[in-house]
Protein backbone atom coordinates (compact mmCIF):
# COMPACT_ATOMS: atom_id res chain seq x y z
CA MET A 1 -63.68 -162.30 143.24
CA ARG A 2 -67.42 -162.27 143.76
CA ARG A 3 -69.22 -165.40 144.90
CA SER A 4 -72.94 -165.98 145.09
CA ILE A 5 -74.50 -167.47 148.16
CA ILE A 6 -78.11 -168.37 148.58
CA ALA A 7 -78.62 -169.36 153.02
CA GLY A 8 -73.97 -166.42 150.37
CA PHE A 9 -69.43 -152.05 147.37
CA GLY A 10 -67.59 -149.83 146.09
CA CYS A 11 -65.74 -147.57 148.47
CA LEU A 12 -67.78 -144.80 150.02
CA ALA A 13 -65.99 -141.61 151.02
CA ILE A 14 -67.79 -139.90 153.88
CA GLY A 15 -66.96 -136.59 155.50
CA ALA A 16 -68.36 -133.27 156.56
CA ALA A 17 -66.43 -131.41 153.90
CA ALA A 18 -68.01 -133.04 150.84
CA SER A 19 -68.90 -130.30 148.39
CA VAL A 20 -72.13 -130.07 146.45
CA LEU A 21 -72.21 -128.33 143.06
CA ALA A 22 -75.16 -126.11 142.32
CA VAL A 23 -76.89 -127.26 139.13
CA GLN A 24 -79.81 -126.09 137.11
CA ALA A 25 -82.70 -128.58 137.45
CA PHE A 26 -83.89 -128.89 133.90
CA GLY A 27 -85.08 -131.88 131.95
CA PRO A 28 -83.94 -135.46 132.65
CA GLN A 29 -80.35 -134.39 133.28
CA GLY A 30 -81.53 -131.75 135.71
CA ALA A 31 -83.64 -134.30 137.57
CA ALA A 32 -80.65 -136.63 137.85
CA ASN A 33 -78.48 -133.80 139.12
CA ALA A 34 -81.14 -132.85 141.66
CA ALA A 35 -81.24 -136.44 142.90
CA ASN A 36 -77.45 -136.47 143.19
CA SER A 37 -77.57 -133.21 145.11
CA GLU A 38 -80.01 -134.73 147.60
CA THR A 39 -77.76 -137.77 148.00
CA TYR A 40 -74.73 -135.58 148.73
CA ARG A 41 -76.80 -133.55 151.17
CA GLN A 42 -77.63 -136.75 153.07
CA LEU A 43 -73.98 -137.79 153.05
CA ASN A 44 -73.07 -134.39 154.46
CA LEU A 45 -75.65 -134.98 157.19
CA PHE A 46 -74.03 -138.30 158.02
CA GLY A 47 -70.63 -136.63 158.11
CA ASP A 48 -71.96 -133.94 160.47
CA VAL A 49 -73.38 -136.56 162.86
CA PHE A 50 -70.18 -138.62 162.70
CA ASP A 51 -68.03 -135.60 163.55
CA ARG A 52 -70.35 -134.57 166.39
CA VAL A 53 -70.20 -138.05 167.93
CA ARG A 54 -66.41 -138.08 167.69
CA SER A 55 -66.08 -134.68 169.34
CA ASP A 56 -68.88 -134.66 171.94
CA TYR A 57 -69.63 -138.26 173.03
CA VAL A 58 -69.04 -138.85 176.75
CA GLU A 59 -66.17 -141.25 175.96
CA VAL A 60 -63.75 -141.37 173.04
CA PRO A 61 -65.51 -143.63 170.49
CA ASP A 62 -63.86 -146.21 168.26
CA ASP A 63 -64.07 -144.75 164.73
CA ALA A 64 -63.86 -148.16 163.06
CA LYS A 65 -66.74 -149.49 165.15
CA LEU A 66 -68.84 -146.45 164.31
CA ILE A 67 -68.29 -146.96 160.58
CA ASP A 68 -68.98 -150.71 160.89
CA ALA A 69 -72.24 -150.00 162.68
CA ALA A 70 -73.27 -147.39 160.11
CA ILE A 71 -72.61 -149.72 157.17
CA ASN A 72 -74.39 -152.60 158.92
CA GLY A 73 -77.37 -150.38 159.58
CA MET A 74 -77.55 -149.32 155.94
CA LEU A 75 -77.44 -152.91 154.66
CA ALA A 76 -79.79 -154.28 157.32
CA SER A 77 -82.39 -151.75 156.19
CA LEU A 78 -82.49 -153.43 152.75
CA ASP A 79 -83.50 -156.96 153.72
CA PRO A 80 -82.66 -159.59 156.39
CA HIS A 81 -79.89 -161.18 154.31
CA SER A 82 -77.72 -158.19 153.32
CA SER A 83 -74.91 -157.44 155.76
CA TYR A 84 -71.36 -156.18 156.19
CA MET A 85 -68.44 -158.38 157.20
CA ASN A 86 -65.26 -156.82 158.52
CA ALA A 87 -61.96 -158.39 157.48
CA LYS A 88 -62.01 -160.95 160.30
CA ASN A 89 -65.59 -162.04 159.70
CA PHE A 90 -64.97 -162.23 155.96
CA ARG A 91 -62.03 -164.60 156.52
CA GLU A 92 -64.21 -166.74 158.79
CA MET A 93 -66.97 -166.83 156.19
CA GLN A 94 -64.51 -168.04 153.57
CA VAL A 95 -63.37 -170.80 155.91
CA GLN A 96 -66.97 -171.77 156.63
CA THR A 97 -67.89 -172.16 152.96
CA ARG A 98 -64.91 -174.49 152.61
CA GLY A 99 -66.61 -176.71 155.18
CA GLU A 100 -64.36 -176.29 158.24
CA PHE A 101 -64.37 -173.61 160.93
CA GLY A 102 -64.17 -173.14 164.68
CA GLY A 103 -67.23 -172.61 166.83
CA LEU A 104 -70.42 -174.20 168.14
CA GLY A 105 -72.13 -175.40 164.98
CA ILE A 106 -75.37 -173.41 164.68
CA GLU A 107 -76.98 -171.41 161.90
CA VAL A 108 -78.35 -168.19 163.41
CA THR A 109 -80.17 -165.00 162.49
CA MET A 110 -81.20 -161.85 164.35
CA GLU A 111 -84.77 -161.27 165.52
CA ASN A 112 -85.90 -158.35 167.67
CA GLY A 113 -82.39 -157.78 168.93
CA LEU A 114 -81.82 -161.40 169.95
CA VAL A 115 -79.97 -164.25 168.25
CA LYS A 116 -82.42 -166.81 166.89
CA VAL A 117 -81.33 -170.33 166.03
CA VAL A 118 -82.24 -171.30 162.48
CA THR A 119 -80.94 -174.82 162.92
CA PRO A 120 -78.12 -176.65 164.70
CA ILE A 121 -75.68 -178.32 162.30
CA ASP A 122 -75.60 -182.11 162.45
CA ASP A 123 -73.03 -183.71 164.80
CA THR A 124 -71.67 -180.47 166.25
CA PRO A 125 -71.37 -179.32 169.89
CA ALA A 126 -74.59 -177.28 169.59
CA SER A 127 -76.53 -180.22 168.19
CA LYS A 128 -75.22 -182.57 170.88
CA ALA A 129 -76.05 -180.04 173.60
CA GLY A 130 -79.71 -180.05 172.55
CA ILE A 131 -79.96 -176.62 170.90
CA LEU A 132 -83.14 -176.54 168.80
CA PRO A 133 -84.47 -174.47 165.89
CA ASN A 134 -86.24 -171.27 166.99
CA ASP A 135 -84.37 -171.12 170.32
CA LEU A 136 -83.57 -167.52 171.28
CA ILE A 137 -80.10 -166.83 172.69
CA THR A 138 -80.35 -163.90 175.11
CA GLN A 139 -76.96 -163.98 176.87
CA LEU A 140 -73.42 -165.22 176.18
CA ASP A 141 -71.45 -165.98 179.32
CA GLY A 142 -73.85 -163.74 181.21
CA GLU A 143 -73.52 -160.79 178.81
CA GLN A 144 -76.73 -159.56 177.22
CA ILE A 145 -77.07 -160.05 173.45
CA GLN A 146 -79.30 -156.98 173.18
CA GLY A 147 -77.30 -154.18 171.61
CA LEU A 148 -74.91 -156.43 169.67
CA THR A 149 -75.01 -156.91 165.92
CA LEU A 150 -75.35 -160.44 164.58
CA GLY A 151 -71.68 -160.37 163.54
CA GLN A 152 -70.58 -159.32 167.03
CA ALA A 153 -72.66 -162.06 168.63
CA VAL A 154 -71.29 -164.70 166.26
CA GLU A 155 -67.74 -163.53 166.95
CA LYS A 156 -68.31 -163.98 170.70
CA MET A 157 -69.65 -167.50 170.17
CA ARG A 158 -66.51 -168.43 168.28
CA GLY A 159 -63.20 -168.87 170.02
CA ARG A 160 -60.35 -171.22 170.81
CA VAL A 161 -61.10 -174.93 170.53
CA ASN A 162 -61.88 -176.69 173.84
CA THR A 163 -62.97 -173.47 175.57
CA PRO A 164 -66.48 -173.40 177.08
CA ILE A 165 -69.25 -170.86 176.64
CA ASN A 166 -72.59 -170.55 178.43
CA LEU A 167 -75.63 -169.73 176.30
CA THR A 168 -78.79 -168.46 178.00
CA ILE A 169 -81.73 -169.86 176.06
CA VAL A 170 -85.36 -168.77 175.88
CA ARG A 171 -87.48 -171.58 174.45
CA GLU A 172 -91.17 -171.38 173.70
CA GLY A 173 -93.05 -173.77 175.94
CA VAL A 174 -90.38 -173.57 178.66
CA ALA A 175 -91.35 -171.18 181.45
CA ASP A 176 -87.93 -169.80 182.39
CA PRO A 177 -84.68 -169.07 180.54
CA PHE A 178 -82.02 -171.73 181.07
CA ASP A 179 -78.28 -172.02 180.50
CA VAL A 180 -76.56 -174.47 178.18
CA LYS A 181 -72.80 -174.98 178.49
CA ILE A 182 -71.11 -175.82 175.18
CA VAL A 183 -67.44 -176.53 174.57
CA ARG A 184 -66.14 -175.03 171.33
CA ASP A 185 -64.69 -177.40 168.78
CA VAL A 186 -63.41 -177.43 165.22
CA ILE A 187 -66.56 -177.65 163.15
CA ARG A 188 -66.03 -179.87 160.16
CA ILE A 189 -69.12 -179.83 158.08
CA LYS A 190 -69.59 -183.20 156.48
CA SER A 191 -72.41 -181.93 154.33
CA VAL A 192 -73.40 -185.30 152.83
CA ARG A 193 -74.21 -188.48 154.75
CA PHE A 194 -75.77 -191.60 153.31
CA THR A 195 -76.94 -195.11 154.12
CA GLU A 196 -78.38 -198.06 152.24
CA GLU A 197 -81.89 -198.77 153.47
CA GLY A 198 -82.41 -202.21 151.97
CA ASP A 199 -83.46 -201.46 148.39
CA ILE A 200 -83.33 -197.64 148.78
CA GLY A 201 -80.44 -195.20 148.92
CA TYR A 202 -80.83 -192.48 151.55
CA ILE A 203 -78.75 -189.29 151.16
CA ARG A 204 -78.87 -186.47 153.69
CA VAL A 205 -77.44 -183.10 152.56
CA SER A 206 -77.15 -180.73 155.56
CA THR A 207 -75.65 -177.69 153.80
CA PHE A 208 -74.21 -176.62 150.44
CA ASN A 209 -70.50 -175.95 150.88
CA GLU A 210 -67.52 -176.58 148.61
CA GLN A 211 -67.49 -180.28 149.53
CA THR A 212 -71.15 -181.04 148.80
CA GLN A 213 -70.94 -182.20 145.19
CA GLU A 214 -67.91 -184.36 145.93
CA GLY A 215 -69.79 -185.95 148.83
CA LEU A 216 -72.90 -186.54 146.75
CA THR A 217 -70.93 -188.19 143.94
CA ALA A 218 -69.23 -190.50 146.45
CA ALA A 219 -72.57 -191.33 148.07
CA LEU A 220 -74.22 -192.31 144.79
CA LYS A 221 -71.21 -194.35 143.74
CA GLN A 222 -71.30 -196.26 147.02
CA ILE A 223 -75.06 -196.83 146.86
CA ASN A 224 -74.87 -198.06 143.25
CA SER A 225 -72.10 -200.49 144.21
CA LYS A 226 -73.87 -201.82 147.31
CA ILE A 227 -77.38 -202.20 145.88
CA ALA A 228 -77.70 -204.07 142.60
CA GLN A 229 -79.33 -201.84 139.96
CA PRO A 230 -82.32 -204.14 139.32
CA ASN A 231 -83.07 -204.07 143.07
CA LEU A 232 -82.56 -200.34 143.68
CA LYS A 233 -86.01 -198.79 144.08
CA GLY A 234 -84.77 -195.21 144.16
CA ILE A 235 -83.04 -192.41 146.06
CA VAL A 236 -84.30 -190.30 148.95
CA LEU A 237 -82.57 -186.89 148.95
CA ASP A 238 -83.21 -185.38 152.37
CA LEU A 239 -82.93 -181.56 152.34
CA ARG A 240 -84.94 -180.92 155.50
CA ASN A 241 -83.48 -178.18 157.73
CA ASN A 242 -80.81 -177.50 155.10
CA PRO A 243 -80.37 -173.69 155.26
CA GLY A 244 -78.65 -173.40 151.85
CA GLY A 245 -75.16 -172.24 150.89
CA LEU A 246 -73.32 -171.87 147.61
CA LEU A 247 -75.23 -171.33 144.38
CA ASP A 248 -72.75 -173.28 142.25
CA GLN A 249 -73.16 -176.32 144.50
CA ALA A 250 -76.96 -176.18 144.26
CA ILE A 251 -76.65 -176.10 140.47
CA SER A 252 -74.18 -178.98 140.48
CA VAL A 253 -76.33 -181.13 142.79
CA SER A 254 -79.37 -180.54 140.57
CA ASP A 255 -77.32 -181.39 137.47
CA THR A 256 -76.36 -184.70 139.09
CA PHE A 257 -79.91 -185.96 138.55
CA LEU A 258 -80.75 -184.18 135.27
CA GLN A 259 -79.83 -184.95 131.66
CA ARG A 260 -80.80 -181.62 130.12
CA GLY A 261 -82.77 -178.41 130.56
CA GLU A 262 -82.62 -175.31 132.71
CA ILE A 263 -81.82 -175.71 136.39
CA VAL A 264 -82.37 -172.17 137.64
CA SER A 265 -82.31 -168.59 136.43
CA THR A 266 -81.33 -165.51 138.40
CA ARG A 267 -82.77 -162.08 137.60
CA GLY A 268 -81.31 -158.87 138.93
CA ARG A 269 -82.57 -155.30 138.75
CA ASN A 270 -81.69 -154.96 135.06
CA ALA A 271 -82.78 -157.35 132.30
CA GLU A 272 -79.22 -157.77 131.04
CA GLU A 273 -78.22 -159.25 134.41
CA THR A 274 -80.38 -162.34 133.89
CA GLN A 275 -78.40 -165.58 134.00
CA ARG A 276 -79.57 -169.08 133.14
CA TYR A 277 -77.89 -172.29 134.27
CA ASN A 278 -78.47 -175.50 132.32
CA ALA A 279 -77.87 -179.16 133.00
CA GLU A 280 -75.29 -181.20 131.15
CA PRO A 281 -75.86 -184.83 130.06
CA GLY A 282 -75.26 -187.47 132.71
CA ASP A 283 -77.59 -188.72 135.46
CA LEU A 284 -75.53 -190.31 138.24
CA ALA A 285 -78.71 -191.86 139.70
CA ASN A 286 -79.20 -193.80 136.45
CA ALA A 287 -82.77 -192.50 136.02
CA LYS A 288 -83.89 -194.22 139.22
CA PRO A 289 -86.87 -192.57 140.97
CA VAL A 290 -85.95 -189.76 143.35
CA VAL A 291 -87.82 -188.35 146.35
CA VAL A 292 -86.77 -184.98 147.76
CA LEU A 293 -87.75 -184.26 151.38
CA VAL A 294 -88.28 -180.62 152.42
CA ASN A 295 -89.74 -178.73 155.38
CA GLY A 296 -89.82 -175.23 156.85
CA GLY A 297 -86.07 -175.38 157.48
CA SER A 298 -85.24 -176.05 153.81
CA ALA A 299 -84.09 -172.76 152.36
CA SER A 300 -82.27 -171.15 149.49
CA ALA A 301 -79.98 -173.66 147.73
CA SER A 302 -82.23 -176.47 148.98
CA GLU A 303 -85.18 -174.84 147.25
CA ILE A 304 -83.25 -174.48 144.00
CA VAL A 305 -82.60 -178.23 143.95
CA ALA A 306 -86.14 -179.17 144.96
CA GLY A 307 -87.67 -176.74 142.45
CA ALA A 308 -85.48 -177.87 139.55
CA LEU A 309 -86.11 -181.58 140.08
CA GLN A 310 -89.81 -180.95 140.65
CA ASP A 311 -90.28 -178.84 137.50
CA HIS A 312 -88.51 -181.44 135.36
CA ASN A 313 -90.62 -184.23 136.91
CA ARG A 314 -87.35 -185.85 137.91
CA ALA A 315 -88.29 -186.08 141.57
CA THR A 316 -91.36 -186.17 143.77
CA VAL A 317 -91.11 -183.55 146.51
CA ILE A 318 -92.55 -184.77 149.81
CA GLY A 319 -92.89 -183.00 153.16
CA THR A 320 -94.13 -179.50 153.95
CA ARG A 321 -93.70 -176.05 152.38
CA SER A 322 -90.08 -174.87 152.32
CA PHE A 323 -88.77 -171.61 153.83
CA GLY A 324 -89.14 -169.36 150.79
CA LYS A 325 -85.73 -167.71 150.49
CA GLY A 326 -85.66 -167.08 146.76
CA SER A 327 -82.93 -164.44 146.67
CA VAL A 328 -79.26 -164.56 145.80
CA GLN A 329 -76.61 -162.88 147.94
CA THR A 330 -73.34 -161.94 146.27
CA ILE A 331 -70.21 -161.63 148.39
CA ILE A 332 -68.41 -158.47 147.22
CA PRO A 333 -64.88 -158.09 148.66
CA LEU A 334 -63.74 -154.64 149.74
CA GLY A 335 -59.99 -155.20 149.61
CA SER A 336 -58.54 -155.20 153.12
CA ASN A 337 -61.82 -153.86 154.57
CA GLY A 338 -63.78 -157.10 154.48
CA ALA A 339 -66.79 -157.62 152.24
CA ILE A 340 -70.50 -157.08 151.93
CA ARG A 341 -73.15 -159.72 151.46
CA LEU A 342 -75.61 -157.99 149.13
CA THR A 343 -78.88 -159.29 147.73
CA THR A 344 -78.38 -158.93 143.98
CA ALA A 345 -81.05 -161.12 142.36
CA ARG A 346 -84.10 -163.31 142.74
CA TYR A 347 -83.96 -166.85 141.48
CA PHE A 348 -86.60 -168.69 139.48
CA THR A 349 -87.25 -172.38 138.91
CA PRO A 350 -87.18 -173.79 135.34
CA SER A 351 -90.92 -173.15 134.93
CA GLY A 352 -90.44 -169.49 135.92
CA ARG A 353 -91.67 -169.72 139.52
CA SER A 354 -90.34 -167.20 142.01
CA ILE A 355 -89.93 -168.90 145.37
CA GLN A 356 -89.23 -165.68 147.29
CA ALA A 357 -91.54 -165.41 150.33
CA LYS A 358 -93.52 -168.39 149.04
CA GLY A 359 -91.35 -171.50 149.05
CA ILE A 360 -91.64 -174.87 147.33
CA GLU A 361 -94.98 -176.58 147.74
CA PRO A 362 -94.45 -180.36 147.86
CA ASN A 363 -96.15 -182.73 145.46
CA VAL A 364 -97.26 -184.67 148.52
CA ILE A 365 -97.75 -182.84 151.81
CA VAL A 366 -96.87 -185.00 154.79
CA GLU A 367 -97.21 -183.23 158.12
CA GLN A 368 -94.76 -184.37 160.77
CA GLU A 369 -96.25 -185.33 164.11
CA ILE A 370 -94.88 -182.88 166.69
CA PRO A 371 -94.70 -183.84 170.40
CA GLU A 372 -97.05 -181.86 172.64
CA ASP A 373 -94.19 -180.25 174.56
CA GLN A 374 -92.78 -178.77 171.33
CA LYS A 375 -95.91 -177.70 169.45
CA LYS A 376 -95.86 -174.11 170.73
CA ARG A 377 -92.22 -173.68 169.73
CA MET A 378 -92.56 -175.33 166.33
CA GLN A 379 -94.54 -172.59 164.64
CA PRO A 380 -94.39 -172.30 160.82
CA ARG A 381 -91.10 -170.81 159.64
CA GLY A 382 -90.67 -168.85 156.47
CA GLU A 383 -89.14 -165.89 154.68
CA ALA A 384 -92.54 -164.16 154.70
CA ASN A 385 -92.31 -163.96 158.50
CA LEU A 386 -89.03 -162.01 158.45
CA ARG A 387 -89.35 -158.29 158.99
CA GLY A 388 -88.24 -156.30 155.95
CA HIS A 389 -88.06 -159.32 153.64
CA LEU A 390 -87.77 -158.90 149.88
CA LYS A 391 -91.12 -159.26 148.17
CA GLY A 392 -91.61 -162.13 145.78
CA GLU A 393 -92.53 -161.75 142.11
CA ASN A 394 -95.72 -163.77 142.34
CA PRO A 395 -98.64 -163.61 139.89
CA GLU A 396 -101.27 -160.99 140.70
CA GLY A 397 -103.52 -162.11 143.54
CA GLU A 398 -101.14 -164.84 144.68
CA GLU A 399 -100.27 -164.31 148.32
CA GLU A 400 -97.05 -164.92 150.19
CA ALA A 401 -96.82 -168.03 152.35
CA SER A 402 -95.34 -168.44 155.80
CA GLY A 403 -93.41 -171.68 155.41
CA SER A 404 -93.99 -174.61 157.75
CA ALA A 405 -92.68 -176.32 160.86
CA SER A 406 -89.13 -177.66 160.83
CA PHE A 407 -89.40 -180.52 163.32
CA VAL A 408 -87.63 -183.76 162.39
CA PRO A 409 -87.83 -186.63 164.91
CA THR A 410 -84.55 -188.07 166.13
CA LYS A 411 -85.93 -191.62 166.03
CA ARG A 412 -86.31 -193.12 162.56
CA GLU A 413 -89.51 -194.93 163.51
CA ASP A 414 -91.17 -191.60 164.40
CA ASP A 415 -90.13 -189.84 161.18
CA LYS A 416 -93.41 -189.90 159.28
CA GLN A 417 -92.05 -188.01 156.25
CA LEU A 418 -89.09 -190.35 155.78
CA LEU A 419 -91.16 -193.49 156.25
CA TYR A 420 -93.67 -192.15 153.73
CA ALA A 421 -90.84 -191.58 151.22
CA PHE A 422 -89.61 -195.17 151.65
CA ASN A 423 -93.13 -196.56 151.15
CA PHE A 424 -93.67 -194.32 148.14
CA LEU A 425 -90.54 -195.60 146.38
CA ARG A 426 -91.45 -199.21 147.20
CA GLY A 427 -94.88 -198.75 145.66
CA ILE A 428 -96.74 -199.44 148.87
CA LYS A 429 -100.27 -198.15 148.45
CA MET A 430 -101.12 -195.16 150.62
CA ASP A 431 -104.34 -193.28 151.30
CA THR A 432 -103.30 -190.25 149.27
CA LYS A 433 -102.36 -189.26 145.76
CA VAL A 434 -99.35 -187.59 144.20
CA ASP A 435 -100.02 -184.15 142.72
CA ASN A 436 -99.12 -183.89 139.04
CA ARG A 437 -97.35 -180.53 138.72
CA ASN A 438 -98.66 -180.21 135.12
CA GLN A 439 -102.26 -180.24 136.36
CA SER A 440 -104.15 -177.80 138.54
CA ALA A 441 -105.10 -180.38 141.18
CA ALA A 442 -104.19 -179.41 144.72
CA PRO A 443 -101.46 -181.46 146.38
CA ALA A 444 -102.63 -184.25 148.63
CA THR A 445 -102.32 -183.91 152.40
CA VAL A 446 -101.50 -186.73 154.78
CA PRO A 447 -103.36 -186.08 158.06
CA ASN A 448 -101.76 -186.57 161.48
């Protein structure tokens, strides 16, 4: 079964003995045959190299590891989000999307041969140990990361519960690398947390896994029961530093606040692959005003939700430009050989906007105040900064954007974006204006 992920192969016979049929290059069919001939020639080249490595390398190589590395290299050359998972990693991915897995609790990517932290997951060992977005992990228990694939590095970070691991961290603004000891634990991702803030319901969604919609429904039910409807000013949906997850959950979360209309469309290479997802009647927030908070760490599924609610004027998006991951990855199982995560489509908001390498621009831009000791590290984050990223389908002359900072203060009183959202819902006058997405006016900016 295929499943689409938004953070989210047929069999290929390879060997030196593959035969190539001689064909007459003539007309369209001849051109196709010539292209096929070139492909088989390249596969023969790969087979020759593979055989030479097996026979002449200084040590006997592991054939399975060679094939894994070759497949990973092929997929990594496409874009930063396509990858191969062996059987073990595929099983772990399936567990993770269910919302429970063993490990440290960090979302990571690969950058220049090192593991880069996208974001620590709330209330996990990594978060409690002080791991921060954009930290670079250079060593695991003293072993260099350089030379490992992302999958190999992740596998080393996982292990038996209650066992320790030392991460060597390079952090911008800190002169020397330093070690952080973290004890592995069962990571249970409670993707939805909520509180009642007087006359406002606050809902934080940290990721989109199989439990997200259930958690959101429970949160809204609790808020509606605790705050009398006449007194409820609205809902703050906090998607900051939410790296994404399952497409179906993003659609379901959007539908929770919408009565009708398109939520998102996905467009693949061929026109017939276009899919549109529409809302069904029923607004669990009872038409109360909604604010969606985003920043440079809001990616993928988060951007689908923010874009859908923004385009339907169902929510006011506040914060800074989101990450800009507007592509869909489909998990394609390979039987007992694992699976591939392959970018198969771009997604578009209801108004037809492609977010790829551009992101969601908030209705109201509120820059977070970043402490001096973290300003160098908190550079803008975005899909457009990733090497080899998929280009967006933006109108002619419209440039890509590099996202924004992802800093969120730990103290509520320092969280300028959240406090602004509360004041906005309470109608407290502020020295700014809300951008109407149906007009051409530029969004307002709140200065530091």
